[in-house]
Every structure is written in C-alpha cells, then in structure tokens.
PDB file of N, CA and C in Angstrom:
ATOM      1  N   MET A   1       2.487 -70.445 183.481  1.00  0.00           N
ATOM      2  CA  MET A   1       3.836 -70.104 183.854  1.00  0.00           C
ATOM      3  C   MET A   1       4.333 -71.089 184.902  1.00  0.00           C
ATOM      4  N   ALA A   2       5.577 -71.464 184.790  1.00  0.00           N
ATOM      5  CA  ALA A   2       6.174 -72.417 185.721  1.00  0.00           C
ATOM      6  C   ALA A   2       6.338 -71.791 187.100  1.00  0.00           C
ATOM      7  N   ASP A   3       6.265 -72.636 188.117  1.00  0.00           N
ATOM      8  CA  ASP A   3       6.523 -72.187 189.477  1.00  0.00           C
ATOM      9  C   ASP A   3       8.032 -72.031 189.646  1.00  0.00           C
ATOM     10  N   LEU A   4       8.482 -70.827 189.934  1.00  0.00           N
ATOM     11  CA  LEU A   4       9.909 -70.541 190.044  1.00  0.00           C
ATOM     12  C   LEU A   4      10.408 -70.547 191.484  1.00  0.00           C
ATOM     13  N   THR A   5       9.558 -70.940 192.421  1.00  0.00           N
ATOM     14  CA  THR A   5       9.948 -70.978 193.825  1.00  0.00           C
ATOM     15  C   THR A   5      11.025 -72.040 194.031  1.00  0.00           C
ATOM     16  N   PRO A   6      12.150 -71.681 194.637  1.00  0.00           N
ATOM     17  CA  PRO A   6      13.203 -72.670 194.868  1.00  0.00           C
ATOM     18  C   PRO A   6      12.759 -73.755 195.839  1.00  0.00           C
ATOM     19  N   THR A   7      13.270 -74.952 195.636  1.00  0.00           N
ATOM     20  CA  THR A   7      12.997 -76.098 196.502  1.00  0.00           C
ATOM     21  C   THR A   7      14.320 -76.819 196.761  1.00  0.00           C
ATOM     22  N   PRO A   8      14.358 -77.753 197.707  1.00  0.00           N
ATOM     23  CA  PRO A   8      15.592 -78.514 197.909  1.00  0.00           C
ATOM     24  C   PRO A   8      16.041 -79.254 196.643  1.00  0.00           C
ATOM     25  N   ASP A   9      15.097 -79.674 195.825  1.00  0.00           N
ATOM     26  CA  ASP A   9      15.440 -80.347 194.571  1.00  0.00           C
ATOM     27  C   ASP A   9      15.870 -79.367 193.481  1.00  0.00           C
ATOM     28  N   ARG A  10      15.436 -78.117 193.590  1.00  0.00           N
ATOM     29  CA  ARG A  10      15.796 -77.058 192.632  1.00  0.00           C
ATOM     30  C   ARG A  10      16.212 -75.823 193.421  1.00  0.00           C
ATOM     31  N   PRO A  11      17.404 -75.847 194.016  1.00  0.00           N
ATOM     32  CA  PRO A  11      17.833 -74.704 194.829  1.00  0.00           C
ATOM     33  C   PRO A  11      18.017 -73.451 193.976  1.00  0.00           C
ATOM     34  N   GLY A  12      17.914 -72.322 194.629  1.00  0.00           N
ATOM     35  CA  GLY A  12      18.114 -71.057 193.934  1.00  0.00           C
ATOM     36  C   GLY A  12      17.524 -69.908 194.712  1.00  0.00           C
ATOM     37  N   LEU A  13      17.394 -68.813 194.002  1.00  0.00           N
ATOM     38  CA  LEU A  13      16.903 -67.564 194.579  1.00  0.00           C
ATOM     39  C   LEU A  13      15.804 -67.052 193.682  1.00  0.00           C
ATOM     40  N   HIS A  14      14.669 -66.660 194.271  1.00  0.00           N
ATOM     41  CA  HIS A  14      13.565 -66.112 193.491  1.00  0.00           C
ATOM     42  C   HIS A  14      13.092 -64.822 194.147  1.00  0.00           C
ATOM     43  N   VAL A  15      12.986 -63.770 193.352  1.00  0.00           N
ATOM     44  CA  VAL A  15      12.512 -62.468 193.826  1.00  0.00           C
ATOM     45  C   VAL A  15      11.366 -62.026 192.935  1.00  0.00           C
ATOM     46  N   SER A  16      10.332 -61.454 193.544  1.00  0.00           N
ATOM     47  CA  SER A  16       9.183 -60.964 192.798  1.00  0.00           C
ATOM     48  C   SER A  16       8.784 -59.592 193.317  1.00  0.00           C
ATOM     49  N   LYS A  17       8.423 -58.723 192.402  1.00  0.00           N
ATOM     50  CA  LYS A  17       7.879 -57.402 192.744  1.00  0.00           C
ATOM     51  C   LYS A  17       6.857 -57.085 191.654  1.00  0.00           C
ATOM     52  N   PRO A  18       5.607 -57.482 191.876  1.00  0.00           N
ATOM     53  CA  PRO A  18       4.604 -57.405 190.821  1.00  0.00           C
ATOM     54  C   PRO A  18       4.274 -55.994 190.324  1.00  0.00           C
ATOM     55  N   SER A  19       4.505 -55.002 191.158  1.00  0.00           N
ATOM     56  CA  SER A  19       4.267 -53.621 190.729  1.00  0.00           C
ATOM     57  C   SER A  19       5.144 -52.691 191.562  1.00  0.00           C
ATOM     58  N   PRO A  20       5.368 -51.473 191.090  1.00  0.00           N
ATOM     59  CA  PRO A  20       6.213 -50.538 191.839  1.00  0.00           C
ATOM     60  C   PRO A  20       5.702 -50.242 193.250  1.00  0.00           C
ATOM     61  N   ASN A  21       4.408 -50.362 193.457  1.00  0.00           N
ATOM     62  CA  ASN A  21       3.827 -50.041 194.761  1.00  0.00           C
ATOM     63  C   ASN A  21       3.704 -51.245 195.691  1.00  0.00           C
ATOM     64  N   ALA A  22       3.948 -52.444 195.162  1.00  0.00           N
ATOM     65  CA  ALA A  22       3.842 -53.655 195.970  1.00  0.00           C
ATOM     66  C   ALA A  22       5.197 -53.958 196.607  1.00  0.00           C
ATOM     67  N   PRO A  23       5.186 -54.543 197.799  1.00  0.00           N
ATOM     68  CA  PRO A  23       6.470 -54.920 198.401  1.00  0.00           C
ATOM     69  C   PRO A  23       7.074 -56.109 197.664  1.00  0.00           C
ATOM     70  N   ALA A  24       8.376 -56.141 197.601  1.00  0.00           N
ATOM     71  CA  ALA A  24       9.070 -57.278 197.008  1.00  0.00           C
ATOM     72  C   ALA A  24       8.937 -58.478 197.940  1.00  0.00           C
ATOM     73  N   THR A  25       8.969 -59.666 197.361  1.00  0.00           N
ATOM     74  CA  THR A  25       9.025 -60.900 198.127  1.00  0.00           C
ATOM     75  C   THR A  25      10.170 -61.737 197.567  1.00  0.00           C
ATOM     76  N   GLY A  26      10.773 -62.522 198.412  1.00  0.00           N
ATOM     77  CA  GLY A  26      11.874 -63.349 197.954  1.00  0.00           C
ATOM     78  C   GLY A  26      11.965 -64.634 198.742  1.00  0.00           C
ATOM     79  N   SER A  27      12.505 -65.646 198.085  1.00  0.00           N
ATOM     80  CA  SER A  27      12.767 -66.909 198.759  1.00  0.00           C
ATOM     81  C   SER A  27      14.062 -67.483 198.211  1.00  0.00           C
ATOM     82  N   ALA A  28      14.760 -68.193 199.069  1.00  0.00           N
ATOM     83  CA  ALA A  28      16.030 -68.792 198.687  1.00  0.00           C
ATOM     84  C   ALA A  28      16.156 -70.151 199.333  1.00  0.00           C
ATOM     85  N   VAL A  29      16.685 -71.099 198.573  1.00  0.00           N
ATOM     86  CA  VAL A  29      17.001 -72.426 199.079  1.00  0.00           C
ATOM     87  C   VAL A  29      18.365 -72.783 198.511  1.00  0.00           C
ATOM     88  N   CYS A  30      19.266 -73.202 199.381  1.00  0.00           N
ATOM     89  CA  CYS A  30      20.615 -73.568 198.966  1.00  0.00           C
ATOM     90  C   CYS A  30      20.738 -75.089 198.920  1.00  0.00           C
ATOM     91  N   HIS A  31      21.644 -75.582 198.119  1.00  0.00           N
ATOM     92  CA  HIS A  31      21.875 -77.026 198.060  1.00  0.00           C
ATOM     93  C   HIS A  31      22.412 -77.572 199.373  1.00  0.00           C
ATOM     94  N   CYS A  32      22.902 -76.699 200.275  1.00  0.00           N
ATOM     95  CA  CYS A  32      23.382 -77.146 201.585  1.00  0.00           C
ATOM     96  C   CYS A  32      22.230 -77.350 202.572  1.00  0.00           C
ATOM     97  N   GLY A  33      21.005 -76.936 202.176  1.00  0.00           N
ATOM     98  CA  GLY A  33      19.841 -77.109 203.038  1.00  0.00           C
ATOM     99  C   GLY A  33      19.337 -75.829 203.671  1.00  0.00           C
ATOM    100  N   ALA A  34      20.106 -74.754 203.599  1.00  0.00           N
ATOM    101  CA  ALA A  34      19.654 -73.474 204.158  1.00  0.00           C
ATOM    102  C   ALA A  34      18.508 -72.927 203.322  1.00  0.00           C
ATOM    103  N   LYS A  35      17.553 -72.287 204.004  1.00  0.00           N
ATOM    104  CA  LYS A  35      16.449 -71.660 203.277  1.00  0.00           C
ATOM    105  C   LYS A  35      15.978 -70.439 204.033  1.00  0.00           C
ATOM    106  N   ALA A  36      15.404 -69.489 203.288  1.00  0.00           N
ATOM    107  CA  ALA A  36      14.936 -68.246 203.902  1.00  0.00           C
ATOM    108  C   ALA A  36      13.901 -67.602 202.988  1.00  0.00           C
ATOM    109  N   THR A  37      13.047 -66.782 203.597  1.00  0.00           N
ATOM    110  CA  THR A  37      12.090 -65.975 202.848  1.00  0.00           C
ATOM    111  C   THR A  37      12.148 -64.556 203.390  1.00  0.00           C
ATOM    112  N   ALA A  38      11.683 -63.614 202.578  1.00  0.00           N
ATOM    113  CA  ALA A  38      11.668 -62.217 203.001  1.00  0.00           C
ATOM    114  C   ALA A  38      10.531 -61.495 202.299  1.00  0.00           C
ATOM    115  N   THR A  39      10.001 -60.486 202.971  1.00  0.00           N
ATOM    116  CA  THR A  39       8.972 -59.616 202.405  1.00  0.00           C
ATOM    117  C   THR A  39       9.362 -58.178 202.692  1.00  0.00           C
ATOM    118  N   GLY A  40       9.273 -57.340 201.676  1.00  0.00           N
ATOM    119  CA  GLY A  40       9.645 -55.934 201.806  1.00  0.00           C
ATOM    120  C   GLY A  40      10.948 -55.690 201.053  1.00  0.00           C
ATOM    121  N   ASP A  41      11.041 -54.542 200.423  1.00  0.00           N
ATOM    122  CA  ASP A  41      12.184 -54.250 199.567  1.00  0.00           C
ATOM    123  C   ASP A  41      13.524 -54.369 200.288  1.00  0.00           C
ATOM    124  N   ASN A  42      13.656 -53.789 201.452  1.00  0.00           N
ATOM    125  CA  ASN A  42      14.929 -53.838 202.178  1.00  0.00           C
ATOM    126  C   ASN A  42      15.256 -55.244 202.658  1.00  0.00           C
ATOM    127  N   GLU A  43      14.242 -55.976 203.123  1.00  0.00           N
ATOM    128  CA  GLU A  43      14.458 -57.333 203.591  1.00  0.00           C
ATOM    129  C   GLU A  43      14.865 -58.253 202.446  1.00  0.00           C
ATOM    130  N   VAL A  44      14.234 -58.084 201.283  1.00  0.00           N
ATOM    131  CA  VAL A  44      14.579 -58.905 200.121  1.00  0.00           C
ATOM    132  C   VAL A  44      15.988 -58.563 199.639  1.00  0.00           C
ATOM    133  N   ARG A  45      16.337 -57.297 199.659  1.00  0.00           N
ATOM    134  CA  ARG A  45      17.699 -56.900 199.289  1.00  0.00           C
ATOM    135  C   ARG A  45      18.714 -57.593 200.202  1.00  0.00           C
ATOM    136  N   ALA A  46      18.437 -57.638 201.496  1.00  0.00           N
ATOM    137  CA  ALA A  46      19.333 -58.304 202.446  1.00  0.00           C
ATOM    138  C   ALA A  46      19.374 -59.815 202.186  1.00  0.00           C
ATOM    139  N   LEU A  47      18.241 -60.412 201.854  1.00  0.00           N
ATOM    140  CA  LEU A  47      18.197 -61.834 201.520  1.00  0.00           C
ATOM    141  C   LEU A  47      19.090 -62.132 200.320  1.00  0.00           C
ATOM    142  N   VAL A  48      18.977 -61.335 199.278  1.00  0.00           N
ATOM    143  CA  VAL A  48      19.790 -61.531 198.076  1.00  0.00           C
ATOM    144  C   VAL A  48      21.273 -61.375 198.400  1.00  0.00           C
ATOM    145  N   GLU A  49      21.620 -60.347 199.145  1.00  0.00           N
ATOM    146  CA  GLU A  49      23.026 -60.123 199.500  1.00  0.00           C
ATOM    147  C   GLU A  49      23.572 -61.277 200.342  1.00  0.00           C
ATOM    148  N   GLY A  50      22.791 -61.743 201.302  1.00  0.00           N
ATOM    149  CA  GLY A  50      23.228 -62.849 202.150  1.00  0.00           C
ATOM    150  C   GLY A  50      23.361 -64.148 201.377  1.00  0.00           C
ATOM    151  N   TYR A  51      22.401 -64.431 200.513  1.00  0.00           N
ATOM    152  CA  TYR A  51      22.460 -65.657 199.708  1.00  0.00           C
ATOM    153  C   TYR A  51      23.666 -65.614 198.769  1.00  0.00           C
ATOM    154  N   THR A  52      23.872 -64.482 198.122  1.00  0.00           N
ATOM    155  CA  THR A  52      24.980 -64.340 197.185  1.00  0.00           C
ATOM    156  C   THR A  52      26.324 -64.482 197.890  1.00  0.00           C
ATOM    157  N   ALA A  53      26.442 -63.921 199.087  1.00  0.00           N
ATOM    158  CA  ALA A  53      27.712 -63.950 199.811  1.00  0.00           C
ATOM    159  C   ALA A  53      27.988 -65.293 200.485  1.00  0.00           C
ATOM    160  N   ASN A  54      26.935 -66.016 200.890  1.00  0.00           N
ATOM    161  CA  ASN A  54      27.131 -67.182 201.744  1.00  0.00           C
ATOM    162  C   ASN A  54      26.602 -68.505 201.208  1.00  0.00           C
ATOM    163  N   HIS A  55      25.825 -68.477 200.157  1.00  0.00           N
ATOM    164  CA  HIS A  55      25.192 -69.705 199.662  1.00  0.00           C
ATOM    165  C   HIS A  55      25.300 -69.760 198.150  1.00  0.00           C
ATOM    166  N   GLY A  56      24.533 -70.680 197.557  1.00  0.00           N
ATOM    167  CA  GLY A  56      24.613 -70.818 196.111  1.00  0.00           C
ATOM    168  C   GLY A  56      26.015 -71.208 195.707  1.00  0.00           C
ATOM    169  N   SER A  57      26.542 -70.532 194.741  1.00  0.00           N
ATOM    170  CA  SER A  57      27.899 -70.844 194.266  1.00  0.00           C
ATOM    171  C   SER A  57      28.984 -70.329 195.200  1.00  0.00           C
ATOM    172  N   ALA A  58      28.609 -69.549 196.245  1.00  0.00           N
ATOM    173  CA  ALA A  58      29.606 -68.973 197.149  1.00  0.00           C
ATOM    174  C   ALA A  58      30.386 -70.034 197.923  1.00  0.00           C
ATOM    175  N   HIS A  59      29.787 -71.194 198.190  1.00  0.00           N
ATOM    176  CA  HIS A  59      30.508 -72.215 198.941  1.00  0.00           C
ATOM    177  C   HIS A  59      30.591 -73.540 198.189  1.00  0.00           C
ATOM    178  N   GLY A  60      30.402 -73.502 196.904  1.00  0.00           N
ATOM    179  CA  GLY A  60      30.580 -74.695 196.070  1.00  0.00           C
ATOM    180  C   GLY A  60      29.491 -75.717 196.287  1.00  0.00           C
ATOM    181  N   ARG A  61      29.629 -76.832 195.664  1.00  0.00           N
ATOM    182  CA  ARG A  61      28.625 -77.894 195.717  1.00  0.00           C
ATOM    183  C   ARG A  61      28.858 -78.899 196.824  1.00  0.00           C
ATOM    184  N   THR A  62      29.791 -78.653 197.704  1.00  0.00           N
ATOM    185  CA  THR A  62      30.087 -79.619 198.769  1.00  0.00           C
ATOM    186  C   THR A  62      29.079 -79.539 199.908  1.00  0.00           C
ATOM    187  N   GLY A  63      28.270 -78.454 199.950  1.00  0.00           N
ATOM    188  CA  GLY A  63      27.311 -78.304 201.037  1.00  0.00           C
ATOM    189  C   GLY A  63      27.929 -77.734 202.294  1.00  0.00           C
ATOM    190  N   ARG A  64      29.116 -77.169 202.187  1.00  0.00           N
ATOM    191  CA  ARG A  64      29.782 -76.602 203.366  1.00  0.00           C
ATOM    192  C   ARG A  64      29.915 -75.109 203.224  1.00  0.00           C
TER     193      ARG A  64
END
C-alpha cells in the first residue's frame, strides 16, 4: 500500500482510525508550508476542521 502521509511535495490531509477502539491519527500539510499532526478523535476532528477552513483549497494556490 502506498504511503498516504502528506508531504510538502504532496500536500493534503490524511486521517487514520484502524479500529473503533483505537484513537484516530491525522496529519496535514498545506502547499503554503503549514503542517500539523493530531492524535485522538477530538483532536483529529479539530485538525480536519482547521485545515478545511484555513488551508488546502480554502486559500487557493497562491500560498497566502
């Protein structure tokens, strides 16, 4: 299986929850250079919400 972890060369958002009893993990890298990781369901939910609202396609490809 391919490594789906985002990198500066392949920005994006990756979330994993291998089982219902395991905590979720997430990582995000934006084309603007911002990056973050989170562990735990609530923390990963906040990471996704923040990335969606402020990074990725939210501010276009200009890096601003």
